[in-house]
Amino acid sequence: MKPGIVQKIFKNHFDAYRKTRVLGKRQYHAAGNIMTCRASDQGYHINACSNGDYEVLVHNSCKHRSCPLCGSTETQLWLEEGSARPLIAGIFMS
């Protein structure tokens, strides 16, 4: 799936969806983050080279775990770190 597809679906259809459902604060928060991730609503930072010849404005990500743009990366890293650790740590250590 292309990046931004889920974000576009949320932007186009969330208002209609929320009118037909009772949503909690957490669902509104997640939807809001997904819709504004890497947009001007989240703010921005400037990446620049050390000698100042090159600067680029980069919109901040929401870093919400449900966000497919940035949360999936964090989730994948967490899963990879967890799989490296033994499930039962310390039992066989004396």
C-alpha atoms as a PDB file:
ATOM      1  CA  MET A   1       0.000   0.000   0.000  1.00  0.00           C
ATOM      2  CA  LYS A   2       1.299   3.449  -0.903  1.00  0.00           C
ATOM      3  CA  PRO A   3       2.173   5.834   1.925  1.00  0.00           C
ATOM      4  CA  GLY A   4      -0.656   8.254   2.612  1.00  0.00           C
ATOM      5  CA  ILE A   5      -3.533   6.067   1.395  1.00  0.00           C
ATOM      6  CA  VAL A   6      -4.912   5.476   4.896  1.00  0.00           C
ATOM      7  CA  GLN A   7      -4.420   9.148   5.715  1.00  0.00           C
ATOM      8  CA  LYS A   8      -6.395  10.125   2.609  1.00  0.00           C
ATOM      9  CA  ILE A   9      -9.212   7.704   3.520  1.00  0.00           C
ATOM     10  CA  PHE A  10      -9.420   9.193   7.015  1.00  0.00           C
ATOM     11  CA  LYS A  11      -9.477  12.747   5.662  1.00  0.00           C
ATOM     12  CA  ASN A  12     -12.204  11.947   3.142  1.00  0.00           C
ATOM     13  CA  HIS A  13     -14.464   9.753   5.264  1.00  0.00           C
ATOM     14  CA  PHE A  14     -13.867  10.240   8.997  1.00  0.00           C
ATOM     15  CA  ASP A  15     -16.471  12.973   9.488  1.00  0.00           C
ATOM     16  CA  ALA A  16     -19.209  10.818   7.958  1.00  0.00           C
ATOM     17  CA  TYR A  17     -18.037   7.771   9.922  1.00  0.00           C
ATOM     18  CA  ARG A  18     -18.007   9.546  13.288  1.00  0.00           C
ATOM     19  CA  LYS A  19     -21.592  10.720  12.762  1.00  0.00           C
ATOM     20  CA  THR A  20     -22.756   7.091  12.652  1.00  0.00           C
ATOM     21  CA  ARG A  21     -20.718   5.806  15.609  1.00  0.00           C
ATOM     22  CA  VAL A  22     -20.012   6.636  19.225  1.00  0.00           C
ATOM     23  CA  LEU A  23     -16.268   7.105  19.484  1.00  0.00           C
ATOM     24  CA  GLY A  24     -14.135   7.554  22.558  1.00  0.00           C
ATOM     25  CA  LYS A  25     -11.463  10.126  23.220  1.00  0.00           C
ATOM     26  CA  ARG A  26      -8.718   7.678  22.232  1.00  0.00           C
ATOM     27  CA  GLN A  27     -10.302   7.019  18.825  1.00  0.00           C
ATOM     28  CA  TYR A  28     -10.626  10.752  18.112  1.00  0.00           C
ATOM     29  CA  HIS A  29      -7.025  11.283  19.176  1.00  0.00           C
ATOM     30  CA  ALA A  30      -5.735   8.483  16.934  1.00  0.00           C
ATOM     31  CA  ALA A  31      -7.809   9.646  13.962  1.00  0.00           C
ATOM     32  CA  GLY A  32      -6.638  13.222  14.427  1.00  0.00           C
ATOM     33  CA  ASN A  33      -3.022  12.114  14.489  1.00  0.00           C
ATOM     34  CA  ILE A  34      -3.436   9.962  11.398  1.00  0.00           C
ATOM     35  CA  MET A  35      -5.068  12.822   9.472  1.00  0.00           C
ATOM     36  CA  THR A  36      -2.417  15.406  10.434  1.00  0.00           C
ATOM     37  CA  CYS A  37       0.706  13.252  10.422  1.00  0.00           C
ATOM     38  CA  ARG A  38       3.568  14.884   8.534  1.00  0.00           C
ATOM     39  CA  ALA A  39       1.441  17.949   7.831  1.00  0.00           C
ATOM     40  CA  SER A  40       1.792  21.552   8.948  1.00  0.00           C
ATOM     41  CA  ASP A  41      -0.621  20.891  11.851  1.00  0.00           C
ATOM     42  CA  GLN A  42       2.068  18.817  13.597  1.00  0.00           C
ATOM     43  CA  GLY A  43       4.690  21.542  13.280  1.00  0.00           C
ATOM     44  CA  TYR A  44       8.024  21.269  11.523  1.00  0.00           C
ATOM     45  CA  HIS A  45      11.765  21.240  11.944  1.00  0.00           C
ATOM     46  CA  ILE A  46      14.598  22.229   9.637  1.00  0.00           C
ATOM     47  CA  ASN A  47      17.244  19.775   8.537  1.00  0.00           C
ATOM     48  CA  ALA A  48      20.425  21.527   7.457  1.00  0.00           C
ATOM     49  CA  CYS A  49      23.953  20.538   6.584  1.00  0.00           C
ATOM     50  CA  SER A  50      26.685  21.588   8.979  1.00  0.00           C
ATOM     51  CA  ASN A  51      28.076  24.375   6.757  1.00  0.00           C
ATOM     52  CA  GLY A  52      24.630  25.900   6.130  1.00  0.00           C
ATOM     53  CA  ASP A  53      24.543  25.441   2.355  1.00  0.00           C
ATOM     54  CA  TYR A  54      21.442  23.260   2.375  1.00  0.00           C
ATOM     55  CA  GLU A  55      18.243  23.464   4.406  1.00  0.00           C
ATOM     56  CA  VAL A  56      14.968  21.588   4.084  1.00  0.00           C
ATOM     57  CA  LEU A  57      11.759  22.073   6.041  1.00  0.00           C
ATOM     58  CA  VAL A  58      10.404  18.737   7.303  1.00  0.00           C
ATOM     59  CA  HIS A  59       6.948  18.368   8.819  1.00  0.00           C
ATOM     60  CA  ASN A  60       6.865  16.440  12.082  1.00  0.00           C
ATOM     61  CA  SER A  61       5.254  13.044  12.345  1.00  0.00           C
ATOM     62  CA  CYS A  62       2.655  12.247  14.992  1.00  0.00           C
ATOM     63  CA  LYS A  63       4.477   9.125  16.268  1.00  0.00           C
ATOM     64  CA  HIS A  64       1.155   7.528  17.207  1.00  0.00           C
ATOM     65  CA  ARG A  65       1.291   3.739  17.290  1.00  0.00           C
ATOM     66  CA  SER A  66      -1.827   3.445  15.106  1.00  0.00           C
ATOM     67  CA  CYS A  67      -0.507   5.745  12.386  1.00  0.00           C
ATOM     68  CA  PRO A  68       0.524   3.800   9.277  1.00  0.00           C
ATOM     69  CA  LEU A  69       3.019   6.511   8.246  1.00  0.00           C
ATOM     70  CA  CYS A  70       5.153   6.477  11.369  1.00  0.00           C
ATOM     71  CA  GLY A  71       3.653   4.120  13.935  1.00  0.00           C
ATOM     72  CA  SER A  72       4.308   1.049  11.843  1.00  0.00           C
ATOM     73  CA  THR A  73       8.029   1.803  11.836  1.00  0.00           C
ATOM     74  CA  GLU A  74       8.136   2.110  15.620  1.00  0.00           C
ATOM     75  CA  THR A  75       6.038  -1.044  16.001  1.00  0.00           C
ATOM     76  CA  GLN A  76       8.322  -2.995  13.677  1.00  0.00           C
ATOM     77  CA  LEU A  77      11.410  -1.862  15.594  1.00  0.00           C
ATOM     78  CA  TRP A  78       9.753  -2.834  18.883  1.00  0.00           C
ATOM     79  CA  LEU A  79       8.865  -6.283  17.517  1.00  0.00           C
ATOM     80  CA  GLU A  80      12.403  -6.841  16.230  1.00  0.00           C
ATOM     81  CA  GLU A  81      13.898  -5.828  19.578  1.00  0.00           C
ATOM     82  CA  GLY A  82      11.487  -8.102  21.430  1.00  0.00           C
ATOM     83  CA  SER A  83      12.222 -11.107  19.257  1.00  0.00           C
ATOM     84  CA  ALA A  84      15.922 -10.770  20.062  1.00  0.00           C
ATOM     85  CA  ARG A  85      15.232 -11.158  23.797  1.00  0.00           C
ATOM     86  CA  PRO A  86      14.504 -14.565  25.285  1.00  0.00           C
ATOM     87  CA  LEU A  87      10.916 -15.082  26.469  1.00  0.00           C
ATOM     88  CA  ILE A  88      11.967 -16.409  29.860  1.00  0.00           C
ATOM     89  CA  ALA A  89      14.915 -14.274  30.863  1.00  0.00           C
ATOM     90  CA  GLY A  90      16.915 -15.314  33.864  1.00  0.00           C
ATOM     91  CA  ILE A  91      15.393 -18.756  34.571  1.00  0.00           C
ATOM     92  CA  PHE A  92      18.429 -20.682  33.438  1.00  0.00           C
ATOM     93  CA  MET A  93      20.900 -18.267  34.937  1.00  0.00           C
ATOM     94  CA  SER A  94      22.350 -19.241  38.305  1.00  0.00           C
END
